[in-house]
Amino acid sequence: MSQGQRIRWELTLLAYLAAGIMFFPIFWLFLTGFKSEGDAIAIPPKLVFTLTLESIQEALTRSDYGLHFLNSIISALGSTALALILAIPAAYSMAFYPTQRTQGLLLWMISTKMMPPVGVIIPVYLIFRDLRWLDNVWALALIYTVMNLPVVIWTLYAFFREVPHEIMEAARVDGASIPQELLRVLLPLSVPAIASAALLSIILAWNETFWSLNLTAAQASPLSVYVASFKTAEGLFWAKMSAASMIAILPVMVMGWLAQRQLVRGLTFGAIK
């Protein structure tokens, strides 16, 4: 075996090892969801046990599961739609009509993602309280929009910047207005970027916990709060919580698998010339 082949084998083995380490918590979560409560808390952990659907049935048949699931769909899809409506024209203007402040604005937007949410929870909570937006799923979608907007703008901006300007100039020569240039020329070319940005936004909103725990109660709480509800004064029900977590993450996992080609294409466009 040549040195180059040995290095490739070592890198491949390292990649599989890293993937296995990253996948193991998900595997253990799914495994625990099929255990009884006694087997779930057994020490040492049981790898051989009797499979049971009791925890999954409990997670699915609770009266509030459907409401939490609907709230997750509304907040994730609603925030993603609003983020795209705001991000597409913003990314378009910064990619095709940049100014001296464009880069600084982009850095400022992405820097807001580095701020811990706990630092602004008090003013946001007071604003929501005064506006009577607490425990409102559409208000929660608005918070998710603000939270994910920098990521969506950056994703679309990186893609738009790589679109040949000659295409846009040709559309202008043919008499296309700016809305026509955006809607009829740029957007059809940007389907992979829009799909990847939308998928990222949905995943981030679907998995968000901090804002939903603090701004919702009984009527607007999504699945992330539903999972946390299995921690009660009686104790922490590991098997039921694992089953609820499994049910909560399955939709976004399936969506990610189905859309992985669009996601990778959108995120890597322009990386290889």
C-alpha atoms as a PDB file:
ATOM      1  CA  MET A   1       0.000   0.000   0.000  1.00  0.00           C
ATOM      2  CA  SER A   2       1.414   3.348  -1.011  1.00  0.00           C
ATOM      3  CA  GLN A   3       1.709   6.253   1.395  1.00  0.00           C
ATOM      4  CA  GLY A   4      -1.101   8.132  -0.364  1.00  0.00           C
ATOM      5  CA  GLN A   5      -3.471   5.161  -0.055  1.00  0.00           C
ATOM      6  CA  ARG A   6      -2.558   4.720   3.611  1.00  0.00           C
ATOM      7  CA  ILE A   7      -3.293   8.384   4.321  1.00  0.00           C
ATOM      8  CA  ARG A   8      -6.661   8.078   2.530  1.00  0.00           C
ATOM      9  CA  TRP A   9      -7.545   5.005   4.585  1.00  0.00           C
ATOM     10  CA  GLU A  10      -6.566   6.767   7.811  1.00  0.00           C
ATOM     11  CA  LEU A  11      -8.630   9.841   6.921  1.00  0.00           C
ATOM     12  CA  THR A  12     -11.593   7.640   6.001  1.00  0.00           C
ATOM     13  CA  LEU A  13     -11.313   5.762   9.305  1.00  0.00           C
ATOM     14  CA  LEU A  14     -11.084   9.063  11.173  1.00  0.00           C
ATOM     15  CA  ALA A  15     -14.194  10.351   9.372  1.00  0.00           C
ATOM     16  CA  TYR A  16     -16.157   7.218  10.293  1.00  0.00           C
ATOM     17  CA  LEU A  17     -14.963   7.516  13.892  1.00  0.00           C
ATOM     18  CA  ALA A  18     -16.052  11.153  14.097  1.00  0.00           C
ATOM     19  CA  ALA A  19     -19.425  10.286  12.530  1.00  0.00           C
ATOM     20  CA  GLY A  20     -19.901   7.447  15.001  1.00  0.00           C
ATOM     21  CA  ILE A  21     -19.144   9.713  17.968  1.00  0.00           C
ATOM     22  CA  MET A  22     -21.607  12.326  16.695  1.00  0.00           C
ATOM     23  CA  PHE A  23     -24.326   9.744  15.960  1.00  0.00           C
ATOM     24  CA  PHE A  24     -23.988   7.786  19.227  1.00  0.00           C
ATOM     25  CA  PRO A  25     -26.139  10.165  21.381  1.00  0.00           C
ATOM     26  CA  ILE A  26     -28.957   9.921  18.821  1.00  0.00           C
ATOM     27  CA  PHE A  27     -28.612   6.126  18.751  1.00  0.00           C
ATOM     28  CA  TRP A  28     -28.728   5.979  22.554  1.00  0.00           C
ATOM     29  CA  LEU A  29     -31.754   8.286  22.606  1.00  0.00           C
ATOM     30  CA  PHE A  30     -33.649   6.000  20.230  1.00  0.00           C
ATOM     31  CA  LEU A  31     -32.553   2.951  22.221  1.00  0.00           C
ATOM     32  CA  THR A  32     -33.760   4.440  25.511  1.00  0.00           C
ATOM     33  CA  GLY A  33     -37.105   5.329  23.954  1.00  0.00           C
ATOM     34  CA  PHE A  34     -37.827   1.605  23.543  1.00  0.00           C
ATOM     35  CA  LYS A  35     -36.919   0.735  27.145  1.00  0.00           C
ATOM     36  CA  SER A  36     -39.034   0.558  30.257  1.00  0.00           C
ATOM     37  CA  GLU A  37     -38.368   3.155  32.942  1.00  0.00           C
ATOM     38  CA  GLY A  38     -36.534   0.561  35.029  1.00  0.00           C
ATOM     39  CA  ASP A  39     -34.237  -0.425  32.172  1.00  0.00           C
ATOM     40  CA  ALA A  40     -33.666   3.222  31.230  1.00  0.00           C
ATOM     41  CA  ILE A  41     -32.183   4.106  34.628  1.00  0.00           C
ATOM     42  CA  ALA A  42     -30.328   0.824  35.168  1.00  0.00           C
ATOM     43  CA  ILE A  43     -26.652   1.087  36.170  1.00  0.00           C
ATOM     44  CA  PRO A  44     -24.658  -0.184  34.377  1.00  0.00           C
ATOM     45  CA  PRO A  45     -26.731   0.596  31.256  1.00  0.00           C
ATOM     46  CA  LYS A  46     -28.506  -2.353  29.698  1.00  0.00           C
ATOM     47  CA  LEU A  47     -27.691  -3.152  26.089  1.00  0.00           C
ATOM     48  CA  VAL A  48     -29.905  -6.262  26.138  1.00  0.00           C
ATOM     49  CA  PHE A  49     -33.467  -5.553  27.230  1.00  0.00           C
ATOM     50  CA  THR A  50     -37.084  -6.262  26.363  1.00  0.00           C
ATOM     51  CA  LEU A  51     -38.380  -3.858  23.737  1.00  0.00           C
ATOM     52  CA  THR A  52     -41.507  -1.979  24.716  1.00  0.00           C
ATOM     53  CA  LEU A  53     -43.642   0.683  23.053  1.00  0.00           C
ATOM     54  CA  GLU A  54     -45.082   1.876  26.356  1.00  0.00           C
ATOM     55  CA  SER A  55     -43.058   5.116  26.453  1.00  0.00           C
ATOM     56  CA  ILE A  56     -43.788   5.956  22.819  1.00  0.00           C
ATOM     57  CA  GLN A  57     -47.492   5.322  23.328  1.00  0.00           C
ATOM     58  CA  GLU A  58     -47.455   7.536  26.407  1.00  0.00           C
ATOM     59  CA  ALA A  59     -45.716  10.334  24.498  1.00  0.00           C
ATOM     60  CA  LEU A  60     -48.137  10.105  21.570  1.00  0.00           C
ATOM     61  CA  THR A  61     -51.385   9.706  23.484  1.00  0.00           C
ATOM     62  CA  ARG A  62     -51.003  12.595  25.909  1.00  0.00           C
ATOM     63  CA  SER A  63     -53.811  15.033  25.253  1.00  0.00           C
ATOM     64  CA  ASP A  64     -51.511  17.993  24.603  1.00  0.00           C
ATOM     65  CA  TYR A  65     -49.165  16.337  22.101  1.00  0.00           C
ATOM     66  CA  GLY A  66     -51.157  17.427  19.037  1.00  0.00           C
ATOM     67  CA  LEU A  67     -51.229  21.048  20.225  1.00  0.00           C
ATOM     68  CA  HIS A  68     -47.459  21.095  20.795  1.00  0.00           C
ATOM     69  CA  PHE A  69     -46.827  19.522  17.395  1.00  0.00           C
ATOM     70  CA  LEU A  70     -49.060  22.080  15.666  1.00  0.00           C
ATOM     71  CA  ASN A  71     -47.314  24.924  17.511  1.00  0.00           C
ATOM     72  CA  SER A  72     -43.933  23.643  16.351  1.00  0.00           C
ATOM     73  CA  ILE A  73     -45.114  23.559  12.733  1.00  0.00           C
ATOM     74  CA  ILE A  74     -46.635  27.045  12.894  1.00  0.00           C
ATOM     75  CA  SER A  75     -43.654  28.645  14.634  1.00  0.00           C
ATOM     76  CA  ALA A  76     -41.005  26.930  12.483  1.00  0.00           C
ATOM     77  CA  LEU A  77     -42.683  27.365   9.099  1.00  0.00           C
ATOM     78  CA  GLY A  78     -44.077  30.817   9.907  1.00  0.00           C
ATOM     79  CA  SER A  79     -40.730  32.155  11.083  1.00  0.00           C
ATOM     80  CA  THR A  80     -38.959  30.641   8.065  1.00  0.00           C
ATOM     81  CA  ALA A  81     -41.416  32.194   5.608  1.00  0.00           C
ATOM     82  CA  LEU A  82     -41.067  35.614   7.240  1.00  0.00           C
ATOM     83  CA  ALA A  83     -37.269  35.299   7.403  1.00  0.00           C
ATOM     84  CA  LEU A  84     -37.106  34.510   3.673  1.00  0.00           C
ATOM     85  CA  ILE A  85     -39.419  37.421   2.817  1.00  0.00           C
ATOM     86  CA  LEU A  86     -37.065  39.773   4.665  1.00  0.00           C
ATOM     87  CA  ALA A  87     -33.754  38.102   3.801  1.00  0.00           C
ATOM     88  CA  ILE A  88     -34.114  37.716   0.016  1.00  0.00           C
ATOM     89  CA  PRO A  89     -34.346  41.458  -0.795  1.00  0.00           C
ATOM     90  CA  ALA A  90     -31.741  42.268   1.879  1.00  0.00           C
ATOM     91  CA  ALA A  91     -29.240  39.747   0.502  1.00  0.00           C
ATOM     92  CA  TYR A  92     -30.027  40.861  -3.065  1.00  0.00           C
ATOM     93  CA  SER A  93     -29.306  44.515  -2.321  1.00  0.00           C
ATOM     94  CA  MET A  94     -26.075  43.756  -0.479  1.00  0.00           C
ATOM     95  CA  ALA A  95     -24.826  41.322  -3.132  1.00  0.00           C
ATOM     96  CA  PHE A  96     -25.599  43.411  -6.229  1.00  0.00           C
ATOM     97  CA  TYR A  97     -25.604  46.962  -4.843  1.00  0.00           C
ATOM     98  CA  PRO A  98     -22.916  46.898  -2.112  1.00  0.00           C
ATOM     99  CA  THR A  99     -21.789  50.014  -0.276  1.00  0.00           C
ATOM    100  CA  GLN A 100     -18.821  50.747   1.949  1.00  0.00           C
ATOM    101  CA  ARG A 101     -20.873  49.685   4.971  1.00  0.00           C
ATOM    102  CA  THR A 102     -22.103  46.367   3.577  1.00  0.00           C
ATOM    103  CA  GLN A 103     -19.363  44.203   5.110  1.00  0.00           C
ATOM    104  CA  GLY A 104     -19.667  45.952   8.455  1.00  0.00           C
ATOM    105  CA  LEU A 105     -23.434  45.440   8.406  1.00  0.00           C
ATOM    106  CA  LEU A 106     -23.025  41.750   7.636  1.00  0.00           C
ATOM    107  CA  LEU A 107     -20.515  41.320  10.471  1.00  0.00           C
ATOM    108  CA  TRP A 108     -22.822  43.153  12.865  1.00  0.00           C
ATOM    109  CA  MET A 109     -25.757  40.930  11.909  1.00  0.00           C
ATOM    110  CA  ILE A 110     -23.852  37.694  12.420  1.00  0.00           C
ATOM    111  CA  SER A 111     -22.364  39.012  15.680  1.00  0.00           C
ATOM    112  CA  THR A 112     -25.876  39.137  17.154  1.00  0.00           C
ATOM    113  CA  LYS A 113     -25.880  35.316  17.014  1.00  0.00           C
ATOM    114  CA  MET A 114     -22.990  35.329  19.491  1.00  0.00           C
ATOM    115  CA  MET A 115     -24.996  37.195  22.131  1.00  0.00           C
ATOM    116  CA  PRO A 116     -26.443  34.870  24.800  1.00  0.00           C
ATOM    117  CA  PRO A 117     -30.263  35.036  24.756  1.00  0.00           C
ATOM    118  CA  VAL A 118     -30.343  35.236  28.556  1.00  0.00           C
ATOM    119  CA  GLY A 119     -28.810  38.702  28.255  1.00  0.00           C
ATOM    120  CA  VAL A 120     -31.945  40.120  26.604  1.00  0.00           C
ATOM    121  CA  ILE A 121     -34.684  37.922  28.024  1.00  0.00           C
ATOM    122  CA  ILE A 122     -35.858  40.510  30.578  1.00  0.00           C
ATOM    123  CA  PRO A 123     -36.554  43.385  28.122  1.00  0.00           C
ATOM    124  CA  VAL A 124     -38.045  40.989  25.563  1.00  0.00           C
ATOM    125  CA  TYR A 125     -40.275  39.427  28.217  1.00  0.00           C
ATOM    126  CA  LEU A 126     -41.453  42.847  29.411  1.00  0.00           C
ATOM    127  CA  ILE A 127     -42.216  43.956  25.841  1.00  0.00           C
ATOM    128  CA  PHE A 128     -44.174  40.760  25.178  1.00  0.00           C
ATOM    129  CA  ARG A 129     -46.032  41.160  28.453  1.00  0.00           C
ATOM    130  CA  ASP A 130     -47.032  44.757  27.713  1.00  0.00           C
ATOM    131  CA  LEU A 131     -48.132  43.847  24.182  1.00  0.00           C
ATOM    132  CA  ARG A 132     -50.008  40.785  25.523  1.00  0.00           C
ATOM    133  CA  TRP A 133     -47.977  38.504  23.286  1.00  0.00           C
ATOM    134  CA  LEU A 134     -47.008  35.983  25.955  1.00  0.00           C
ATOM    135  CA  ASP A 135     -48.107  32.434  25.170  1.00  0.00           C
ATOM    136  CA  ASN A 136     -48.818  33.422  21.553  1.00  0.00           C
ATOM    137  CA  VAL A 137     -47.499  31.116  18.834  1.00  0.00           C
ATOM    138  CA  TRP A 138     -47.286  33.880  16.221  1.00  0.00           C
ATOM    139  CA  ALA A 139     -45.279  36.055  18.592  1.00  0.00           C
ATOM    140  CA  LEU A 140     -42.992  33.075  19.152  1.00  0.00           C
ATOM    141  CA  ALA A 141     -42.589  32.799  15.366  1.00  0.00           C
ATOM    142  CA  LEU A 142     -41.569  36.474  15.323  1.00  0.00           C
ATOM    143  CA  ILE A 143     -38.823  35.814  17.885  1.00  0.00           C
ATOM    144  CA  TYR A 144     -37.614  32.847  15.836  1.00  0.00           C
ATOM    145  CA  THR A 145     -37.515  35.102  12.756  1.00  0.00           C
ATOM    146  CA  VAL A 146     -35.284  37.616  14.518  1.00  0.00           C
ATOM    147  CA  MET A 147     -33.127  34.771  15.825  1.00  0.00           C
ATOM    148  CA  ASN A 148     -32.600  33.118  12.420  1.00  0.00           C
ATOM    149  CA  LEU A 149     -32.592  36.145  10.120  1.00  0.00           C
ATOM    150  CA  PRO A 150     -28.774  36.700  10.226  1.00  0.00           C
ATOM    151  CA  VAL A 151     -28.101  33.082   9.227  1.00  0.00           C
ATOM    152  CA  VAL A 152     -30.625  33.209   6.379  1.00  0.00           C
ATOM    153  CA  ILE A 153     -29.243  36.516   5.061  1.00  0.00           C
ATOM    154  CA  TRP A 154     -25.653  35.250   5.171  1.00  0.00           C
ATOM    155  CA  THR A 155     -26.561  32.019   3.381  1.00  0.00           C
ATOM    156  CA  LEU A 156     -28.405  33.834   0.600  1.00  0.00           C
ATOM    157  CA  TYR A 157     -25.808  36.603   0.356  1.00  0.00           C
ATOM    158  CA  ALA A 158     -22.993  34.079  -0.153  1.00  0.00           C
ATOM    159  CA  PHE A 159     -24.984  32.458  -2.957  1.00  0.00           C
ATOM    160  CA  PHE A 160     -26.141  35.681  -4.640  1.00  0.00           C
ATOM    161  CA  ARG A 161     -22.595  37.028  -4.669  1.00  0.00           C
ATOM    162  CA  GLU A 162     -21.486  34.081  -6.816  1.00  0.00           C
ATOM    163  CA  VAL A 163     -24.241  34.528  -9.397  1.00  0.00           C
ATOM    164  CA  PRO A 164     -22.639  36.024 -12.562  1.00  0.00           C
ATOM    165  CA  HIS A 165     -23.483  39.708 -12.731  1.00  0.00           C
ATOM    166  CA  GLU A 166     -23.628  39.436 -16.512  1.00  0.00           C
ATOM    167  CA  ILE A 167     -26.919  37.546 -16.184  1.00  0.00           C
ATOM    168  CA  MET A 168     -28.434  40.356 -14.181  1.00  0.00           C
ATOM    169  CA  GLU A 169     -27.030  42.997 -16.542  1.00  0.00           C
ATOM    170  CA  ALA A 170     -28.533  41.173 -19.518  1.00  0.00           C
ATOM    171  CA  ALA A 171     -31.928  41.245 -17.794  1.00  0.00           C
ATOM    172  CA  ARG A 172     -31.587  44.996 -17.264  1.00  0.00           C
ATOM    173  CA  VAL A 173     -30.654  45.529 -20.909  1.00  0.00           C
ATOM    174  CA  ASP A 174     -33.835  43.665 -21.870  1.00  0.00           C
ATOM    175  CA  GLY A 175     -35.794  46.157 -19.811  1.00  0.00           C
ATOM    176  CA  ALA A 176     -36.389  44.169 -16.614  1.00  0.00           C
ATOM    177  CA  SER A 177     -37.190  46.230 -13.551  1.00  0.00           C
ATOM    178  CA  ILE A 178     -35.619  45.434 -10.188  1.00  0.00           C
ATOM    179  CA  PRO A 179     -38.645  43.377  -8.995  1.00  0.00           C
ATOM    180  CA  GLN A 180     -38.668  41.462 -12.313  1.00  0.00           C
ATOM    181  CA  GLU A 181     -34.909  40.949 -12.102  1.00  0.00           C
ATOM    182  CA  LEU A 182     -35.297  39.559  -8.605  1.00  0.00           C
ATOM    183  CA  LEU A 183     -38.395  37.421  -9.139  1.00  0.00           C
ATOM    184  CA  ARG A 184     -37.906  36.144 -12.702  1.00  0.00           C
ATOM    185  CA  VAL A 185     -34.129  35.864 -12.976  1.00  0.00           C
ATOM    186  CA  LEU A 186     -32.429  35.576  -9.590  1.00  0.00           C
ATOM    187  CA  LEU A 187     -34.913  33.463  -7.633  1.00  0.00           C
ATOM    188  CA  PRO A 188     -35.142  30.624 -10.210  1.00  0.00           C
ATOM    189  CA  LEU A 189     -31.326  30.436 -10.148  1.00  0.00           C
ATOM    190  CA  SER A 190     -31.274  30.438  -6.355  1.00  0.00           C
ATOM    191  CA  VAL A 191     -33.553  27.510  -5.534  1.00  0.00           C
ATOM    192  CA  PRO A 192     -30.707  25.469  -3.895  1.00  0.00           C
ATOM    193  CA  ALA A 193     -29.679  28.421  -1.706  1.00  0.00           C
ATOM    194  CA  ILE A 194     -33.258  29.226  -0.728  1.00  0.00           C
ATOM    195  CA  ALA A 195     -33.923  25.551   0.058  1.00  0.00           C
ATOM    196  CA  SER A 196     -30.813  25.266   2.234  1.00  0.00           C
ATOM    197  CA  ALA A 197     -31.529  28.555   4.017  1.00  0.00           C
ATOM    198  CA  ALA A 198     -35.135  27.503   4.635  1.00  0.00           C
ATOM    199  CA  LEU A 199     -34.061  24.100   5.942  1.00  0.00           C
ATOM    200  CA  LEU A 200     -31.520  25.649   8.318  1.00  0.00           C
ATOM    201  CA  SER A 201     -34.120  28.094   9.592  1.00  0.00           C
ATOM    202  CA  ILE A 202     -36.694  25.346  10.145  1.00  0.00           C
ATOM    203  CA  ILE A 203     -34.196  23.182  12.029  1.00  0.00           C
ATOM    204  CA  LEU A 204     -33.034  26.048  14.251  1.00  0.00           C
ATOM    205  CA  ALA A 205     -36.607  27.085  15.018  1.00  0.00           C
ATOM    206  CA  TRP A 206     -37.810  23.515  15.557  1.00  0.00           C
ATOM    207  CA  ASN A 207     -35.029  22.751  18.052  1.00  0.00           C
ATOM    208  CA  GLU A 208     -35.116  26.087  19.924  1.00  0.00           C
ATOM    209  CA  THR A 209     -35.865  25.763  23.641  1.00  0.00           C
ATOM    210  CA  PHE A 210     -34.829  28.879  25.552  1.00  0.00           C
ATOM    211  CA  TRP A 211     -37.335  31.342  24.105  1.00  0.00           C
ATOM    212  CA  SER A 212     -40.181  28.836  24.015  1.00  0.00           C
ATOM    213  CA  LEU A 213     -39.692  27.938  27.687  1.00  0.00           C
ATOM    214  CA  ASN A 214     -39.707  31.583  28.770  1.00  0.00           C
ATOM    215  CA  LEU A 215     -42.333  33.090  26.461  1.00  0.00           C
ATOM    216  CA  THR A 216     -44.957  30.352  26.263  1.00  0.00           C
ATOM    217  CA  ALA A 217     -47.137  28.429  28.689  1.00  0.00           C
ATOM    218  CA  ALA A 218     -50.051  26.127  27.885  1.00  0.00           C
ATOM    219  CA  GLN A 219     -51.372  27.318  24.529  1.00  0.00           C
ATOM    220  CA  ALA A 220     -48.308  28.194  22.404  1.00  0.00           C
ATOM    221  CA  SER A 221     -45.555  25.884  23.652  1.00  0.00           C
ATOM    222  CA  PRO A 222     -43.871  23.758  20.938  1.00  0.00           C
ATOM    223  CA  LEU A 223     -42.464  20.237  21.138  1.00  0.00           C
ATOM    224  CA  SER A 224     -39.266  21.378  22.871  1.00  0.00           C
ATOM    225  CA  VAL A 225     -41.383  22.419  25.884  1.00  0.00           C
ATOM    226  CA  TYR A 226     -43.402  19.212  25.577  1.00  0.00           C
ATOM    227  CA  VAL A 227     -40.210  17.171  25.972  1.00  0.00           C
ATOM    228  CA  ALA A 228     -39.212  19.180  29.050  1.00  0.00           C
ATOM    229  CA  SER A 229     -42.629  18.489  30.614  1.00  0.00           C
ATOM    230  CA  PHE A 230     -41.549  14.910  31.387  1.00  0.00           C
ATOM    231  CA  LYS A 231     -39.358  16.323  34.152  1.00  0.00           C
ATOM    232  CA  THR A 232     -41.819  16.580  37.027  1.00  0.00           C
ATOM    233  CA  ALA A 233     -41.823  16.774  40.801  1.00  0.00           C
ATOM    234  CA  GLU A 234     -42.142  12.989  40.828  1.00  0.00           C
ATOM    235  CA  GLY A 235     -38.828  12.600  39.052  1.00  0.00           C
ATOM    236  CA  LEU A 236     -37.217  12.492  35.631  1.00  0.00           C
ATOM    237  CA  PHE A 237     -38.823   9.898  33.358  1.00  0.00           C
ATOM    238  CA  TRP A 238     -35.884   8.989  31.121  1.00  0.00           C
ATOM    239  CA  ALA A 239     -37.657   6.509  28.870  1.00  0.00           C
ATOM    240  CA  LYS A 240     -40.679   8.728  28.255  1.00  0.00           C
ATOM    241  CA  MET A 241     -38.507  11.802  27.737  1.00  0.00           C
ATOM    242  CA  SER A 242     -36.341   9.886  25.265  1.00  0.00           C
ATOM    243  CA  ALA A 243     -39.438   8.690  23.400  1.00  0.00           C
ATOM    244  CA  ALA A 244     -40.822  12.239  23.273  1.00  0.00           C
ATOM    245  CA  SER A 245     -37.443  13.553  22.061  1.00  0.00           C
ATOM    246  CA  MET A 246     -37.324  10.863  19.397  1.00  0.00           C
ATOM    247  CA  ILE A 247     -40.779  11.846  18.151  1.00  0.00           C
ATOM    248  CA  ALA A 248     -39.810  15.528  18.211  1.00  0.00           C
ATOM    249  CA  ILE A 249     -36.595  15.188  16.176  1.00  0.00           C
ATOM    250  CA  LEU A 250     -37.856  12.660  13.614  1.00  0.00           C
ATOM    251  CA  PRO A 251     -39.561  15.247  11.335  1.00  0.00           C
ATOM    252  CA  VAL A 252     -36.459  17.413  10.951  1.00  0.00           C
ATOM    253  CA  MET A 253     -34.202  14.368  10.569  1.00  0.00           C
ATOM    254  CA  VAL A 254     -36.359  13.012   7.745  1.00  0.00           C
ATOM    255  CA  MET A 255     -36.530  16.469   6.178  1.00  0.00           C
ATOM    256  CA  GLY A 256     -32.752  16.760   6.351  1.00  0.00           C
ATOM    257  CA  TRP A 257     -32.232  13.371   4.722  1.00  0.00           C
ATOM    258  CA  LEU A 258     -34.660  14.147   1.922  1.00  0.00           C
ATOM    259  CA  ALA A 259     -33.216  17.612   1.273  1.00  0.00           C
ATOM    260  CA  GLN A 260     -29.538  16.870   1.855  1.00  0.00           C
ATOM    261  CA  ARG A 261     -28.624  17.296  -1.828  1.00  0.00           C
ATOM    262  CA  GLN A 262     -30.177  20.767  -1.969  1.00  0.00           C
ATOM    263  CA  LEU A 263     -28.668  21.638   1.403  1.00  0.00           C
ATOM    264  CA  VAL A 264     -25.117  20.656   0.437  1.00  0.00           C
ATOM    265  CA  ARG A 265     -25.425  22.291  -2.972  1.00  0.00           C
ATOM    266  CA  GLY A 266     -26.699  25.528  -1.487  1.00  0.00           C
ATOM    267  CA  LEU A 267     -24.050  25.693   1.240  1.00  0.00           C
ATOM    268  CA  THR A 268     -21.099  24.830  -1.028  1.00  0.00           C
ATOM    269  CA  PHE A 269     -22.014  26.874  -4.100  1.00  0.00           C
ATOM    270  CA  GLY A 270     -19.001  28.908  -5.125  1.00  0.00           C
ATOM    271  CA  ALA A 271     -16.610  27.012  -2.851  1.00  0.00           C
ATOM    272  CA  ILE A 272     -15.069  25.189  -5.829  1.00  0.00           C
ATOM    273  CA  LYS A 273     -14.409  27.093  -9.012  1.00  0.00           C
END
